[in-house]
N, C-alpha and C. Protein backbone atom coordinates (compact mmCIF):
# COMPACT_ATOMS: atom_id res chain seq x y z
N MET A 1 8.43 10.35 -17.44
CA MET A 1 7.30 10.84 -16.65
C MET A 1 6.28 9.72 -16.41
N LEU A 2 6.06 8.91 -17.42
CA LEU A 2 5.11 7.82 -17.29
C LEU A 2 5.60 6.79 -16.28
N LEU A 3 6.92 6.51 -16.29
CA LEU A 3 7.49 5.55 -15.34
C LEU A 3 7.38 6.08 -13.92
N LYS A 4 7.59 7.39 -13.73
CA LYS A 4 7.47 7.98 -12.40
C LYS A 4 6.04 7.87 -11.87
N THR A 5 5.06 8.18 -12.70
CA THR A 5 3.67 8.09 -12.29
C THR A 5 3.27 6.65 -11.99
N PHE A 6 3.72 5.73 -12.82
CA PHE A 6 3.42 4.31 -12.60
C PHE A 6 4.05 3.81 -11.30
N THR A 7 5.28 4.23 -11.03
CA THR A 7 5.96 3.81 -9.80
C THR A 7 5.25 4.36 -8.57
N ILE A 8 4.83 5.62 -8.61
CA ILE A 8 4.10 6.22 -7.49
C ILE A 8 2.78 5.50 -7.28
N TYR A 9 2.10 5.16 -8.37
CA TYR A 9 0.84 4.43 -8.27
C TYR A 9 1.04 3.06 -7.62
N ILE A 10 2.08 2.35 -8.02
CA ILE A 10 2.36 1.02 -7.46
C ILE A 10 2.70 1.13 -5.98
N VAL A 11 3.49 2.14 -5.60
CA VAL A 11 3.83 2.33 -4.18
C VAL A 11 2.57 2.60 -3.37
N ALA A 12 1.69 3.46 -3.87
CA ALA A 12 0.46 3.79 -3.15
C ALA A 12 -0.45 2.57 -3.04
N LYS A 13 -0.58 1.83 -4.11
CA LYS A 13 -1.47 0.67 -4.11
C LYS A 13 -0.99 -0.41 -3.14
N TYR A 14 0.26 -0.75 -3.23
CA TYR A 14 0.75 -1.84 -2.38
C TYR A 14 0.98 -1.43 -0.93
N ALA A 15 1.16 -0.15 -0.68
CA ALA A 15 1.19 0.30 0.72
C ALA A 15 -0.17 0.07 1.37
N GLY A 16 -1.24 0.25 0.62
CA GLY A 16 -2.57 -0.03 1.14
C GLY A 16 -2.80 -1.52 1.37
N TRP A 17 -2.31 -2.36 0.47
CA TRP A 17 -2.47 -3.80 0.65
C TRP A 17 -1.68 -4.31 1.84
N VAL A 18 -0.46 -3.83 2.00
CA VAL A 18 0.35 -4.25 3.15
C VAL A 18 -0.26 -3.70 4.44
N GLY A 19 -0.86 -2.52 4.38
CA GLY A 19 -1.54 -1.96 5.54
C GLY A 19 -2.70 -2.82 6.01
N ARG A 20 -3.39 -3.46 5.08
CA ARG A 20 -4.47 -4.38 5.48
C ARG A 20 -3.92 -5.55 6.28
N LEU A 21 -2.80 -6.08 5.86
CA LEU A 21 -2.18 -7.17 6.60
C LEU A 21 -1.71 -6.71 7.97
N ASP A 22 -1.17 -5.50 8.04
CA ASP A 22 -0.73 -4.97 9.33
C ASP A 22 -1.89 -4.81 10.30
N ILE A 23 -3.02 -4.36 9.82
CA ILE A 23 -4.18 -4.21 10.70
C ILE A 23 -4.65 -5.58 11.19
N LEU A 24 -4.59 -6.57 10.34
CA LEU A 24 -4.95 -7.92 10.76
C LEU A 24 -4.01 -8.40 11.87
N ILE A 25 -2.73 -8.21 11.69
CA ILE A 25 -1.75 -8.65 12.70
C ILE A 25 -1.84 -7.80 13.96
N MET A 26 -2.20 -6.52 13.82
CA MET A 26 -2.22 -5.61 14.95
C MET A 26 -3.25 -6.02 16.00
N PHE A 27 -4.36 -6.63 15.60
CA PHE A 27 -5.40 -6.96 16.57
C PHE A 27 -5.28 -8.36 17.16
N PHE A 28 -4.30 -9.15 16.75
CA PHE A 28 -4.10 -10.47 17.34
C PHE A 28 -3.74 -10.41 18.83
N PRO A 29 -2.87 -9.51 19.30
CA PRO A 29 -2.48 -9.56 20.71
C PRO A 29 -3.52 -9.02 21.69
N LEU A 30 -4.65 -8.50 21.25
CA LEU A 30 -5.56 -7.81 22.15
C LEU A 30 -6.32 -8.69 23.14
N PRO A 31 -6.89 -9.83 22.76
CA PRO A 31 -7.63 -10.60 23.77
C PRO A 31 -6.70 -11.16 24.85
N ARG A 32 -7.21 -11.26 26.03
CA ARG A 32 -6.38 -11.79 27.13
C ARG A 32 -6.13 -13.29 26.97
N CYS A 33 -7.08 -14.01 26.44
CA CYS A 33 -6.91 -15.45 26.24
C CYS A 33 -6.76 -15.70 24.74
N ASN A 34 -5.55 -15.64 24.25
CA ASN A 34 -5.34 -15.88 22.83
C ASN A 34 -4.19 -16.86 22.63
N PHE A 35 -4.01 -17.27 21.41
CA PHE A 35 -2.99 -18.28 21.12
C PHE A 35 -1.58 -17.69 21.16
N LEU A 36 -1.41 -16.39 20.98
CA LEU A 36 -0.07 -15.80 21.02
C LEU A 36 0.52 -15.87 22.43
N HIS A 37 -0.32 -15.73 23.42
CA HIS A 37 0.15 -15.85 24.80
C HIS A 37 0.74 -17.24 25.02
N TRP A 38 0.04 -18.24 24.54
CA TRP A 38 0.51 -19.61 24.68
C TRP A 38 1.71 -19.91 23.77
N LEU A 39 1.65 -19.41 22.52
CA LEU A 39 2.67 -19.71 21.53
C LEU A 39 4.00 -19.05 21.86
N LEU A 40 3.97 -17.77 22.24
CA LEU A 40 5.20 -17.03 22.53
C LEU A 40 5.64 -17.13 23.97
N GLY A 41 4.74 -17.54 24.84
CA GLY A 41 5.09 -17.61 26.26
C GLY A 41 5.28 -16.25 26.88
N SER A 42 4.61 -15.24 26.37
CA SER A 42 4.75 -13.88 26.91
C SER A 42 3.49 -13.50 27.66
N ASP A 43 3.59 -12.45 28.47
CA ASP A 43 2.45 -12.02 29.26
C ASP A 43 1.64 -10.96 28.49
N PHE A 44 0.50 -10.60 29.03
CA PHE A 44 -0.42 -9.67 28.37
C PHE A 44 0.18 -8.28 28.16
N PRO A 45 0.88 -7.67 29.15
CA PRO A 45 1.46 -6.34 28.89
C PRO A 45 2.49 -6.33 27.76
N THR A 46 3.22 -7.42 27.58
CA THR A 46 4.16 -7.49 26.46
C THR A 46 3.43 -7.53 25.14
N LEU A 47 2.33 -8.28 25.08
CA LEU A 47 1.54 -8.32 23.85
C LEU A 47 0.91 -6.97 23.54
N ILE A 48 0.52 -6.23 24.57
CA ILE A 48 -0.03 -4.89 24.35
C ILE A 48 1.04 -3.95 23.81
N LYS A 49 2.27 -4.14 24.26
CA LYS A 49 3.38 -3.34 23.74
C LYS A 49 3.57 -3.60 22.25
N TYR A 50 3.49 -4.88 21.83
CA TYR A 50 3.56 -5.20 20.41
C TYR A 50 2.40 -4.56 19.65
N HIS A 51 1.22 -4.58 20.24
CA HIS A 51 0.05 -3.97 19.60
C HIS A 51 0.27 -2.47 19.38
N ARG A 52 0.82 -1.81 20.39
CA ARG A 52 1.07 -0.36 20.25
C ARG A 52 2.08 -0.06 19.15
N TRP A 53 3.15 -0.82 19.10
CA TRP A 53 4.17 -0.57 18.07
C TRP A 53 3.66 -0.91 16.68
N LEU A 54 2.88 -1.96 16.56
CA LEU A 54 2.26 -2.26 15.27
C LEU A 54 1.28 -1.15 14.86
N GLY A 55 0.59 -0.58 15.84
CA GLY A 55 -0.31 0.54 15.54
C GLY A 55 0.44 1.77 15.07
N HIS A 56 1.57 2.08 15.72
CA HIS A 56 2.38 3.22 15.26
C HIS A 56 2.84 2.99 13.82
N GLY A 57 3.32 1.80 13.55
CA GLY A 57 3.81 1.51 12.20
C GLY A 57 2.71 1.50 11.17
N THR A 58 1.56 0.98 11.53
CA THR A 58 0.47 0.88 10.57
C THR A 58 -0.15 2.23 10.27
N LEU A 59 -0.50 2.98 11.30
CA LEU A 59 -1.26 4.20 11.09
C LEU A 59 -0.43 5.37 10.61
N LEU A 60 0.76 5.51 11.12
CA LEU A 60 1.47 6.74 10.81
C LEU A 60 2.71 6.51 9.98
N VAL A 61 3.57 5.70 10.46
CA VAL A 61 4.91 5.66 9.88
C VAL A 61 4.91 5.01 8.51
N TYR A 62 4.33 3.83 8.38
CA TYR A 62 4.54 3.08 7.15
C TYR A 62 3.39 3.12 6.18
N ARG A 63 2.32 2.50 6.54
CA ARG A 63 1.40 2.07 5.50
C ARG A 63 0.35 3.09 5.09
N TYR A 64 -0.55 3.41 6.01
CA TYR A 64 -1.70 4.18 5.57
C TYR A 64 -1.40 5.64 5.29
N SER A 65 -0.43 6.21 5.96
CA SER A 65 -0.07 7.58 5.62
C SER A 65 0.57 7.62 4.24
N ILE A 66 1.45 6.67 3.97
CA ILE A 66 2.06 6.61 2.63
C ILE A 66 0.99 6.37 1.58
N HIS A 67 0.08 5.47 1.86
CA HIS A 67 -0.99 5.13 0.92
C HIS A 67 -1.86 6.36 0.61
N GLY A 68 -2.36 7.01 1.65
CA GLY A 68 -3.28 8.14 1.44
C GLY A 68 -2.60 9.37 0.88
N ILE A 69 -1.45 9.73 1.43
CA ILE A 69 -0.77 10.93 0.96
C ILE A 69 -0.29 10.76 -0.47
N THR A 70 0.17 9.58 -0.83
CA THR A 70 0.64 9.35 -2.19
C THR A 70 -0.50 9.46 -3.19
N TYR A 71 -1.63 8.84 -2.89
CA TYR A 71 -2.77 8.96 -3.80
C TYR A 71 -3.24 10.41 -3.91
N MET A 72 -3.35 11.10 -2.78
CA MET A 72 -3.83 12.49 -2.85
C MET A 72 -2.84 13.40 -3.58
N SER A 73 -1.55 13.15 -3.43
CA SER A 73 -0.58 13.97 -4.17
C SER A 73 -0.65 13.68 -5.67
N MET A 74 -0.90 12.43 -6.04
CA MET A 74 -1.08 12.11 -7.47
C MET A 74 -2.29 12.84 -8.04
N TRP A 75 -3.39 12.82 -7.30
CA TRP A 75 -4.60 13.48 -7.78
C TRP A 75 -4.43 14.99 -7.80
N ALA A 76 -3.73 15.56 -6.83
CA ALA A 76 -3.52 17.01 -6.81
C ALA A 76 -2.63 17.43 -7.98
N GLU A 77 -1.61 16.62 -8.27
CA GLU A 77 -0.73 16.95 -9.40
C GLU A 77 -1.46 16.87 -10.73
N ALA A 78 -2.39 15.92 -10.84
CA ALA A 78 -3.16 15.78 -12.07
C ALA A 78 -4.32 16.77 -12.15
N GLY A 79 -4.63 17.45 -11.03
CA GLY A 79 -5.73 18.41 -11.01
C GLY A 79 -7.09 17.77 -10.82
N THR A 80 -7.14 16.55 -10.32
CA THR A 80 -8.41 15.83 -10.17
C THR A 80 -8.73 15.53 -8.70
N LEU A 81 -8.12 16.25 -7.79
CA LEU A 81 -8.32 15.95 -6.37
C LEU A 81 -9.77 16.15 -5.94
N THR A 82 -10.40 17.23 -6.36
CA THR A 82 -11.77 17.48 -5.94
C THR A 82 -12.75 16.48 -6.54
N THR A 83 -12.51 16.03 -7.75
CA THR A 83 -13.41 15.05 -8.35
C THR A 83 -13.17 13.65 -7.78
N MET A 84 -11.96 13.37 -7.36
CA MET A 84 -11.68 12.05 -6.79
C MET A 84 -12.25 11.90 -5.37
N LEU A 85 -12.40 13.01 -4.66
CA LEU A 85 -12.87 12.95 -3.28
C LEU A 85 -14.37 13.18 -3.16
N ASP A 86 -15.15 12.67 -4.11
CA ASP A 86 -16.59 12.73 -3.95
C ASP A 86 -17.07 11.48 -3.21
N TRP A 87 -18.35 11.42 -2.90
CA TRP A 87 -18.88 10.30 -2.12
C TRP A 87 -19.18 9.08 -2.96
N GLY A 88 -18.88 9.14 -4.26
CA GLY A 88 -19.18 8.00 -5.13
C GLY A 88 -18.26 6.82 -4.87
N MET A 89 -18.62 5.70 -5.46
CA MET A 89 -17.84 4.47 -5.29
C MET A 89 -17.01 4.21 -6.54
N GLY A 90 -16.21 5.18 -6.94
CA GLY A 90 -15.34 4.98 -8.09
C GLY A 90 -14.27 3.95 -7.79
N ALA A 91 -14.04 3.05 -8.72
CA ALA A 91 -13.04 1.97 -8.59
C ALA A 91 -13.35 1.05 -7.42
N GLY A 92 -14.60 1.01 -6.95
CA GLY A 92 -14.98 0.09 -5.89
C GLY A 92 -14.67 0.56 -4.49
N VAL A 93 -14.17 1.77 -4.33
CA VAL A 93 -13.86 2.30 -2.99
C VAL A 93 -14.44 3.70 -2.86
N ASN A 94 -14.73 4.09 -1.64
CA ASN A 94 -15.18 5.44 -1.36
C ASN A 94 -13.99 6.24 -0.87
N ARG A 95 -13.48 7.10 -1.71
CA ARG A 95 -12.23 7.79 -1.41
C ARG A 95 -12.37 8.83 -0.30
N ARG A 96 -13.52 9.49 -0.23
CA ARG A 96 -13.70 10.49 0.83
C ARG A 96 -13.76 9.80 2.19
N ALA A 97 -14.39 8.64 2.26
CA ALA A 97 -14.39 7.89 3.51
C ALA A 97 -12.96 7.47 3.89
N GLY A 98 -12.14 7.17 2.90
CA GLY A 98 -10.74 6.85 3.17
C GLY A 98 -9.99 8.05 3.73
N LEU A 99 -10.27 9.24 3.22
CA LEU A 99 -9.64 10.45 3.74
C LEU A 99 -10.08 10.71 5.18
N ILE A 100 -11.35 10.51 5.46
CA ILE A 100 -11.85 10.68 6.83
C ILE A 100 -11.21 9.65 7.75
N ALA A 101 -11.06 8.41 7.28
CA ALA A 101 -10.42 7.37 8.08
C ALA A 101 -8.95 7.69 8.32
N LEU A 102 -8.27 8.25 7.33
CA LEU A 102 -6.87 8.64 7.50
C LEU A 102 -6.72 9.72 8.56
N CYS A 103 -7.58 10.74 8.51
CA CYS A 103 -7.54 11.80 9.52
C CYS A 103 -7.91 11.26 10.89
N GLY A 104 -8.88 10.36 10.96
CA GLY A 104 -9.24 9.73 12.23
C GLY A 104 -8.10 8.89 12.78
N GLY A 105 -7.38 8.20 11.90
CA GLY A 105 -6.22 7.43 12.33
C GLY A 105 -5.12 8.31 12.88
N TRP A 106 -4.90 9.47 12.24
CA TRP A 106 -3.89 10.40 12.77
C TRP A 106 -4.32 10.93 14.14
N LEU A 107 -5.60 11.23 14.30
CA LEU A 107 -6.10 11.70 15.60
C LEU A 107 -5.94 10.61 16.66
N LEU A 108 -6.24 9.39 16.32
CA LEU A 108 -6.05 8.27 17.22
C LEU A 108 -4.58 8.11 17.60
N TRP A 109 -3.70 8.27 16.62
CA TRP A 109 -2.27 8.15 16.89
C TRP A 109 -1.79 9.25 17.84
N VAL A 110 -2.23 10.48 17.60
CA VAL A 110 -1.80 11.59 18.47
C VAL A 110 -2.27 11.36 19.89
N THR A 111 -3.48 10.87 20.07
CA THR A 111 -3.97 10.64 21.43
C THR A 111 -3.33 9.41 22.08
N ALA A 112 -2.62 8.59 21.32
CA ALA A 112 -1.92 7.43 21.88
C ALA A 112 -0.50 7.75 22.32
N ILE A 113 0.00 8.93 22.00
CA ILE A 113 1.35 9.32 22.42
C ILE A 113 1.33 9.48 23.94
N PRO A 114 2.29 8.88 24.65
CA PRO A 114 2.26 8.93 26.12
C PRO A 114 2.22 10.35 26.70
N PHE A 115 2.93 11.29 26.10
CA PHE A 115 2.91 12.66 26.61
C PHE A 115 1.51 13.26 26.52
N VAL A 116 0.83 13.04 25.42
CA VAL A 116 -0.51 13.59 25.23
C VAL A 116 -1.50 12.90 26.17
N ARG A 117 -1.32 11.63 26.41
CA ARG A 117 -2.21 10.91 27.33
C ARG A 117 -2.07 11.40 28.76
N ARG A 118 -0.91 11.91 29.12
CA ARG A 118 -0.68 12.39 30.48
C ARG A 118 -0.97 13.88 30.66
N LEU A 119 -1.38 14.57 29.62
CA LEU A 119 -1.66 15.99 29.74
C LEU A 119 -2.74 16.32 30.78
N PRO A 120 -3.83 15.57 30.89
CA PRO A 120 -4.80 15.89 31.96
C PRO A 120 -4.21 15.75 33.36
N GLU A 121 -3.24 14.86 33.55
CA GLU A 121 -2.61 14.71 34.86
C GLU A 121 -1.69 15.89 35.15
N LEU A 122 -1.07 16.46 34.11
CA LEU A 122 -0.13 17.54 34.28
C LEU A 122 -0.81 18.90 34.45
N ALA A 123 -2.03 19.01 33.96
CA ALA A 123 -2.75 20.29 34.05
C ALA A 123 -3.15 20.56 35.51
N PRO A 124 -3.07 21.80 35.91
CA PRO A 124 -3.49 22.11 37.30
C PRO A 124 -5.00 21.96 37.44
N THR A 125 -5.40 21.44 38.55
CA THR A 125 -6.84 21.27 38.80
C THR A 125 -7.39 22.51 39.46
N VAL A 126 -8.61 22.85 39.10
CA VAL A 126 -9.29 24.00 39.69
C VAL A 126 -10.21 23.48 40.79
N ALA A 127 -9.97 23.92 41.99
CA ALA A 127 -10.77 23.41 43.10
C ALA A 127 -11.87 24.38 43.48
């Protein structure tokens, strides 16, 4: 049981660290005049495509969802979820702000899905 808890803790911790690196890499392709355009010889729409895929991987699929859900499941299993999600700065981080950021990231991801972005175009207009 101790090995299982330790393994889950390590997965949650390092998913957050790798997520920080992903966010750093995710914002490199955004400026129109950047070194990646020159280095890779690609155009701006291609770099935006990389930015979108890095965003999908960072926010939902890989890093921050695994990081947040794993920590919250550990706290729920231990019965300390409500005490861990206070506004205090326990362990140097504000956990409730992290939960709000996770939910905001999911909302951002949902609004970035092409089908959801085109919903206003598909809705009938009232004249």
